[in-house]
Amino acid sequence: MKKIFLAAAITITSLVGLSAPSLAASTTVVVKRVDHHRPMARPMHRTNDCYVETVKHRDHGRVVVHKTRVCR
């Protein structure tokens, strides 16, 4: 009876040992990079949403006007 159990244990371990490399060959690892800012095939057409901002302030009693262009 001991010989049958020993033979069965050897058979099972040899089957597991031989089947593991064949299973490893079919395993595939997929790494996918998620990039939300993908480059576009052509550049985007942007409209100029610009305006001139006028700021007035006093400097030593004089009124100074600064005009700056602001684009969004």
PDB file of N, CA and C in Angstrom:
ATOM      1  N   MET A   1       0.815  -1.187   0.000  1.00  0.00           N
ATOM      2  CA  MET A   1       0.000   0.000   0.000  1.00  0.00           C
ATOM      3  C   MET A   1       0.866   1.261   0.000  1.00  0.00           C
ATOM      4  N   LYS A   2       1.992   1.205   0.752  1.00  0.00           N
ATOM      5  CA  LYS A   2       2.886   2.348   0.806  1.00  0.00           C
ATOM      6  C   LYS A   2       3.495   2.614  -0.560  1.00  0.00           C
ATOM      7  N   LYS A   3       3.792   1.561  -1.301  1.00  0.00           N
ATOM      8  CA  LYS A   3       4.408   1.722  -2.604  1.00  0.00           C
ATOM      9  C   LYS A   3       3.449   2.396  -3.591  1.00  0.00           C
ATOM     10  N   ILE A   4       2.144   2.104  -3.492  1.00  0.00           N
ATOM     11  CA  ILE A   4       1.164   2.709  -4.394  1.00  0.00           C
ATOM     12  C   ILE A   4       1.056   4.211  -4.119  1.00  0.00           C
ATOM     13  N   PHE A   5       0.991   4.599  -2.834  1.00  0.00           N
ATOM     14  CA  PHE A   5       0.930   6.017  -2.483  1.00  0.00           C
ATOM     15  C   PHE A   5       2.195   6.755  -2.890  1.00  0.00           C
ATOM     16  N   LEU A   6       3.346   6.099  -2.700  1.00  0.00           N
ATOM     17  CA  LEU A   6       4.610   6.714  -3.088  1.00  0.00           C
ATOM     18  C   LEU A   6       4.678   6.884  -4.608  1.00  0.00           C
ATOM     19  N   ALA A   7       4.240   5.879  -5.349  1.00  0.00           N
ATOM     20  CA  ALA A   7       4.242   5.965  -6.813  1.00  0.00           C
ATOM     21  C   ALA A   7       3.269   7.054  -7.289  1.00  0.00           C
ATOM     22  N   ALA A   8       2.115   7.177  -6.646  1.00  0.00           N
ATOM     23  CA  ALA A   8       1.137   8.200  -7.018  1.00  0.00           C
ATOM     24  C   ALA A   8       1.692   9.595  -6.708  1.00  0.00           C
ATOM     25  N   ALA A   9       2.363   9.740  -5.590  1.00  0.00           N
ATOM     26  CA  ALA A   9       2.936  11.042  -5.219  1.00  0.00           C
ATOM     27  C   ALA A   9       4.032  11.438  -6.201  1.00  0.00           C
ATOM     28  N   ILE A  10       4.873  10.499  -6.596  1.00  0.00           N
ATOM     29  CA  ILE A  10       5.933  10.784  -7.564  1.00  0.00           C
ATOM     30  C   ILE A  10       5.326  11.142  -8.919  1.00  0.00           C
ATOM     31  N   THR A  11       4.276  10.452  -9.321  1.00  0.00           N
ATOM     32  CA  THR A  11       3.621  10.728 -10.601  1.00  0.00           C
ATOM     33  C   THR A  11       2.999  12.124 -10.602  1.00  0.00           C
ATOM     34  N   ILE A  12       2.321  12.477  -9.531  1.00  0.00           N
ATOM     35  CA  ILE A  12       1.678  13.799  -9.450  1.00  0.00           C
ATOM     36  C   ILE A  12       2.718  14.907  -9.458  1.00  0.00           C
ATOM     37  N   THR A  13       3.812  14.749  -8.694  1.00  0.00           N
ATOM     38  CA  THR A  13       4.841  15.797  -8.669  1.00  0.00           C
ATOM     39  C   THR A  13       5.549  15.917 -10.009  1.00  0.00           C
ATOM     40  N   SER A  14       5.746  14.803 -10.711  1.00  0.00           N
ATOM     41  CA  SER A  14       6.400  14.901 -12.017  1.00  0.00           C
ATOM     42  C   SER A  14       5.471  15.565 -13.035  1.00  0.00           C
ATOM     43  N   LEU A  15       4.162  15.314 -12.959  1.00  0.00           N
ATOM     44  CA  LEU A  15       3.224  15.970 -13.858  1.00  0.00           C
ATOM     45  C   LEU A  15       3.166  17.471 -13.600  1.00  0.00           C
ATOM     46  N   VAL A  16       3.179  17.851 -12.326  1.00  0.00           N
ATOM     47  CA  VAL A  16       3.149  19.277 -11.987  1.00  0.00           C
ATOM     48  C   VAL A  16       4.452  19.936 -12.430  1.00  0.00           C
ATOM     49  N   GLY A  17       5.562  19.247 -12.246  1.00  0.00           N
ATOM     50  CA  GLY A  17       6.855  19.798 -12.642  1.00  0.00           C
ATOM     51  C   GLY A  17       6.995  19.969 -14.143  1.00  0.00           C
ATOM     52  N   LEU A  18       6.387  19.104 -14.915  1.00  0.00           N
ATOM     53  CA  LEU A  18       6.475  19.195 -16.368  1.00  0.00           C
ATOM     54  C   LEU A  18       5.422  20.144 -16.949  1.00  0.00           C
ATOM     55  N   SER A  19       4.298  20.310 -16.280  1.00  0.00           N
ATOM     56  CA  SER A  19       3.251  21.160 -16.836  1.00  0.00           C
ATOM     57  C   SER A  19       3.478  22.642 -16.521  1.00  0.00           C
ATOM     58  N   ALA A  20       4.221  22.961 -15.484  1.00  0.00           N
ATOM     59  CA  ALA A  20       4.441  24.365 -15.112  1.00  0.00           C
ATOM     60  C   ALA A  20       5.174  25.152 -16.208  1.00  0.00           C
ATOM     61  N   PRO A  21       6.262  24.631 -16.817  1.00  0.00           N
ATOM     62  CA  PRO A  21       6.906  25.404 -17.881  1.00  0.00           C
ATOM     63  C   PRO A  21       6.018  25.594 -19.115  1.00  0.00           C
ATOM     64  N   SER A  22       5.178  24.612 -19.419  1.00  0.00           N
ATOM     65  CA  SER A  22       4.306  24.761 -20.583  1.00  0.00           C
ATOM     66  C   SER A  22       3.223  25.808 -20.313  1.00  0.00           C
ATOM     67  N   LEU A  23       2.787  25.958 -19.078  1.00  0.00           N
ATOM     68  CA  LEU A  23       1.810  26.985 -18.741  1.00  0.00           C
ATOM     69  C   LEU A  23       2.455  28.367 -18.727  1.00  0.00           C
ATOM     70  N   ALA A  24       3.709  28.447 -18.352  1.00  0.00           N
ATOM     71  CA  ALA A  24       4.389  29.740 -18.283  1.00  0.00           C
ATOM     72  C   ALA A  24       4.597  30.335 -19.673  1.00  0.00           C
ATOM     73  N   ALA A  25       4.698  29.499 -20.699  1.00  0.00           N
ATOM     74  CA  ALA A  25       4.904  30.005 -22.048  1.00  0.00           C
ATOM     75  C   ALA A  25       3.659  30.725 -22.570  1.00  0.00           C
ATOM     76  N   SER A  26       2.489  30.355 -22.070  1.00  0.00           N
ATOM     77  CA  SER A  26       1.271  30.983 -22.552  1.00  0.00           C
ATOM     78  C   SER A  26       0.883  32.215 -21.731  1.00  0.00           C
ATOM     79  N   THR A  27       1.610  32.523 -20.693  1.00  0.00           N
ATOM     80  CA  THR A  27       1.308  33.683 -19.865  1.00  0.00           C
ATOM     81  C   THR A  27       1.803  34.944 -20.551  1.00  0.00           C
ATOM     82  N   THR A  28       0.944  35.952 -20.624  1.00  0.00           N
ATOM     83  CA  THR A  28       1.305  37.204 -21.257  1.00  0.00           C
ATOM     84  C   THR A  28       1.134  38.336 -20.258  1.00  0.00           C
ATOM     85  N   VAL A  29       2.109  39.234 -20.222  1.00  0.00           N
ATOM     86  CA  VAL A  29       2.036  40.408 -19.363  1.00  0.00           C
ATOM     87  C   VAL A  29       1.808  41.611 -20.258  1.00  0.00           C
ATOM     88  N   VAL A  30       0.727  42.346 -19.994  1.00  0.00           N
ATOM     89  CA  VAL A  30       0.382  43.510 -20.797  1.00  0.00           C
ATOM     90  C   VAL A  30       0.489  44.737 -19.909  1.00  0.00           C
ATOM     91  N   VAL A  31       1.311  45.689 -20.338  1.00  0.00           N
ATOM     92  CA  VAL A  31       1.447  46.946 -19.620  1.00  0.00           C
ATOM     93  C   VAL A  31       0.910  48.029 -20.526  1.00  0.00           C
ATOM     94  N   LYS A  32      -0.126  48.717 -20.062  1.00  0.00           N
ATOM     95  CA  LYS A  32      -0.762  49.739 -20.877  1.00  0.00           C
ATOM     96  C   LYS A  32      -0.578  51.078 -20.199  1.00  0.00           C
ATOM     97  N   ARG A  33      -0.067  52.035 -20.937  1.00  0.00           N
ATOM     98  CA  ARG A  33       0.148  53.372 -20.410  1.00  0.00           C
ATOM     99  C   ARG A  33      -1.069  54.224 -20.737  1.00  0.00           C
ATOM    100  N   VAL A  34      -1.644  54.803 -19.720  1.00  0.00           N
ATOM    101  CA  VAL A  34      -2.791  55.680 -19.914  1.00  0.00           C
ATOM    102  C   VAL A  34      -2.273  57.098 -19.975  1.00  0.00           C
ATOM    103  N   ASP A  35      -2.414  57.705 -21.136  1.00  0.00           N
ATOM    104  CA  ASP A  35      -1.922  59.058 -21.326  1.00  0.00           C
ATOM    105  C   ASP A  35      -3.088  59.924 -21.775  1.00  0.00           C
ATOM    106  N   HIS A  36      -3.534  60.816 -20.895  1.00  0.00           N
ATOM    107  CA  HIS A  36      -4.686  61.648 -21.209  1.00  0.00           C
ATOM    108  C   HIS A  36      -4.311  62.801 -22.133  1.00  0.00           C
ATOM    109  N   HIS A  37      -3.039  63.121 -22.222  1.00  0.00           N
ATOM    110  CA  HIS A  37      -2.592  64.221 -23.060  1.00  0.00           C
ATOM    111  C   HIS A  37      -1.829  63.657 -24.254  1.00  0.00           C
ATOM    112  N   ARG A  38      -2.556  62.963 -25.099  1.00  0.00           N
ATOM    113  CA  ARG A  38      -1.935  62.370 -26.275  1.00  0.00           C
ATOM    114  C   ARG A  38      -1.636  63.437 -27.316  1.00  0.00           C
ATOM    115  N   PRO A  39      -0.525  63.313 -28.030  1.00  0.00           N
ATOM    116  CA  PRO A  39      -0.247  64.286 -29.083  1.00  0.00           C
ATOM    117  C   PRO A  39      -1.252  64.148 -30.222  1.00  0.00           C
ATOM    118  N   MET A  40      -1.657  65.255 -30.750  1.00  0.00           N
ATOM    119  CA  MET A  40      -2.645  65.261 -31.826  1.00  0.00           C
ATOM    120  C   MET A  40      -1.921  65.104 -33.167  1.00  0.00           C
ATOM    121  N   ALA A  41      -2.630  64.586 -34.146  1.00  0.00           N
ATOM    122  CA  ALA A  41      -2.048  64.407 -35.465  1.00  0.00           C
ATOM    123  C   ALA A  41      -1.793  65.754 -36.130  1.00  0.00           C
ATOM    124  N   ARG A  42      -2.686  66.715 -35.897  1.00  0.00           N
ATOM    125  CA  ARG A  42      -2.493  68.060 -36.418  1.00  0.00           C
ATOM    126  C   ARG A  42      -2.748  69.037 -35.288  1.00  0.00           C
ATOM    127  N   PRO A  43      -2.125  70.174 -35.329  1.00  0.00           N
ATOM    128  CA  PRO A  43      -2.305  71.117 -34.223  1.00  0.00           C
ATOM    129  C   PRO A  43      -3.737  71.659 -34.180  1.00  0.00           C
ATOM    130  N   MET A  44      -4.161  71.957 -32.969  1.00  0.00           N
ATOM    131  CA  MET A  44      -5.507  72.490 -32.796  1.00  0.00           C
ATOM    132  C   MET A  44      -5.564  73.933 -33.293  1.00  0.00           C
ATOM    133  N   HIS A  45      -6.680  74.291 -33.877  1.00  0.00           N
ATOM    134  CA  HIS A  45      -6.875  75.664 -34.325  1.00  0.00           C
ATOM    135  C   HIS A  45      -7.405  76.462 -33.141  1.00  0.00           C
ATOM    136  N   ARG A  46      -6.639  77.428 -32.707  1.00  0.00           N
ATOM    137  CA  ARG A  46      -7.043  78.230 -31.564  1.00  0.00           C
ATOM    138  C   ARG A  46      -7.489  79.604 -32.024  1.00  0.00           C
ATOM    139  N   THR A  47      -8.521  80.082 -31.404  1.00  0.00           N
ATOM    140  CA  THR A  47      -8.957  81.440 -31.666  1.00  0.00           C
ATOM    141  C   THR A  47      -8.324  82.346 -30.624  1.00  0.00           C
ATOM    142  N   ASN A  48      -8.084  83.579 -30.990  1.00  0.00           N
ATOM    143  CA  ASN A  48      -7.486  84.525 -30.057  1.00  0.00           C
ATOM    144  C   ASN A  48      -8.581  85.175 -29.231  1.00  0.00           C
ATOM    145  N   ASP A  49      -8.688  84.753 -27.991  1.00  0.00           N
ATOM    146  CA  ASP A  49      -9.612  85.368 -27.055  1.00  0.00           C
ATOM    147  C   ASP A  49      -8.811  86.369 -26.230  1.00  0.00           C
ATOM    148  N   CYS A  50      -8.463  87.483 -26.843  1.00  0.00           N
ATOM    149  CA  CYS A  50      -7.623  88.477 -26.197  1.00  0.00           C
ATOM    150  C   CYS A  50      -8.390  89.777 -25.994  1.00  0.00           C
ATOM    151  N   TYR A  51      -7.989  90.493 -24.956  1.00  0.00           N
ATOM    152  CA  TYR A  51      -8.541  91.815 -24.728  1.00  0.00           C
ATOM    153  C   TYR A  51      -7.456  92.672 -24.089  1.00  0.00           C
ATOM    154  N   VAL A  52      -7.670  93.980 -24.116  1.00  0.00           N
ATOM    155  CA  VAL A  52      -6.713  94.913 -23.549  1.00  0.00           C
ATOM    156  C   VAL A  52      -7.233  95.347 -22.189  1.00  0.00           C
ATOM    157  N   GLU A  53      -6.416  95.119 -21.179  1.00  0.00           N
ATOM    158  CA  GLU A  53      -6.791  95.486 -19.819  1.00  0.00           C
ATOM    159  C   GLU A  53      -6.105  96.807 -19.469  1.00  0.00           C
ATOM    160  N   THR A  54      -6.881  97.770 -19.029  1.00  0.00           N
ATOM    161  CA  THR A  54      -6.358  99.087 -18.684  1.00  0.00           C
ATOM    162  C   THR A  54      -6.381  99.249 -17.177  1.00  0.00           C
ATOM    163  N   VAL A  55      -5.213  99.569 -16.598  1.00  0.00           N
ATOM    164  CA  VAL A  55      -5.095  99.760 -15.155  1.00  0.00           C
ATOM    165  C   VAL A  55      -4.573 101.167 -14.919  1.00  0.00           C
ATOM    166  N   LYS A  56      -5.296 101.924 -14.097  1.00  0.00           N
ATOM    167  CA  LYS A  56      -4.873 103.283 -13.752  1.00  0.00           C
ATOM    168  C   LYS A  56      -4.493 103.301 -12.273  1.00  0.00           C
ATOM    169  N   HIS A  57      -3.356 103.941 -11.974  1.00  0.00           N
ATOM    170  CA  HIS A  57      -2.979 104.143 -10.583  1.00  0.00           C
ATOM    171  C   HIS A  57      -2.177 105.435 -10.462  1.00  0.00           C
ATOM    172  N   ARG A  58      -2.037 105.897  -9.252  1.00  0.00           N
ATOM    173  CA  ARG A  58      -1.320 107.151  -9.012  1.00  0.00           C
ATOM    174  C   ARG A  58       0.089 106.850  -8.548  1.00  0.00           C
ATOM    175  N   ASP A  59       1.047 107.622  -9.096  1.00  0.00           N
ATOM    176  CA  ASP A  59       2.449 107.486  -8.720  1.00  0.00           C
ATOM    177  C   ASP A  59       2.998 108.883  -8.480  1.00  0.00           C
ATOM    178  N   HIS A  60       3.197 109.230  -7.214  1.00  0.00           N
ATOM    179  CA  HIS A  60       3.686 110.549  -6.802  1.00  0.00           C
ATOM    180  C   HIS A  60       2.815 111.671  -7.366  1.00  0.00           C
ATOM    181  N   GLY A  61       1.488 111.490  -7.296  1.00  0.00           N
ATOM    182  CA  GLY A  61       0.565 112.521  -7.731  1.00  0.00           C
ATOM    183  C   GLY A  61       0.201 112.477  -9.195  1.00  0.00           C
ATOM    184  N   ARG A  62       0.886 111.652  -9.993  1.00  0.00           N
ATOM    185  CA  ARG A  62       0.556 111.544 -11.421  1.00  0.00           C
ATOM    186  C   ARG A  62      -0.297 110.309 -11.656  1.00  0.00           C
ATOM    187  N   VAL A  63      -1.168 110.378 -12.632  1.00  0.00           N
ATOM    188  CA  VAL A  63      -1.976 109.217 -13.012  1.00  0.00           C
ATOM    189  C   VAL A  63      -1.199 108.437 -14.068  1.00  0.00           C
ATOM    190  N   VAL A  64      -0.945 107.172 -13.763  1.00  0.00           N
ATOM    191  CA  VAL A  64      -0.206 106.302 -14.685  1.00  0.00           C
ATOM    192  C   VAL A  64      -1.183 105.262 -15.218  1.00  0.00           C
ATOM    193  N   VAL A  65      -1.200 105.103 -16.536  1.00  0.00           N
ATOM    194  CA  VAL A  65      -2.094 104.145 -17.187  1.00  0.00           C
ATOM    195  C   VAL A  65      -1.247 103.027 -17.784  1.00  0.00           C
ATOM    196  N   HIS A  66      -1.560 101.806 -17.398  1.00  0.00           N
ATOM    197  CA  HIS A  66      -0.885 100.625 -17.959  1.00  0.00           C
ATOM    198  C   HIS A  66      -1.898  99.864 -18.794  1.00  0.00           C
ATOM    199  N   LYS A  67      -1.554  99.577 -20.035  1.00  0.00           N
ATOM    200  CA  LYS A  67      -2.406  98.779 -20.897  1.00  0.00           C
ATOM    201  C   LYS A  67      -1.663  97.473 -21.184  1.00  0.00           C
ATOM    202  N   THR A  68      -2.306  96.366 -20.841  1.00  0.00           N
ATOM    203  CA  THR A  68      -1.699  95.057 -21.068  1.00  0.00           C
ATOM    204  C   THR A  68      -2.666  94.201 -21.863  1.00  0.00           C
ATOM    205  N   ARG A  69      -2.104  93.369 -22.733  1.00  0.00           N
ATOM    206  CA  ARG A  69      -2.906  92.454 -23.529  1.00  0.00           C
ATOM    207  C   ARG A  69      -3.053  91.142 -22.769  1.00  0.00           C
ATOM    208  N   VAL A  70      -4.266  90.689 -22.585  1.00  0.00           N
ATOM    209  CA  VAL A  70      -4.543  89.466 -21.840  1.00  0.00           C
ATOM    210  C   VAL A  70      -5.200  88.483 -22.795  1.00  0.00           C
ATOM    211  N   CYS A  71      -4.595  87.311 -22.969  1.00  0.00           N
ATOM    212  CA  CYS A  71      -5.147  86.269 -23.837  1.00  0.00           C
ATOM    213  C   CYS A  71      -5.477  85.047 -23.001  1.00  0.00           C
ATOM    214  N   ARG A  72      -6.600  84.457 -23.294  1.00  0.00           N
ATOM    215  CA  ARG A  72      -7.009  83.249 -22.560  1.00  0.00           C
ATOM    216  C   ARG A  72      -7.135  82.096 -23.499  1.00  0.00           C
TER     217      ARG A  72
END
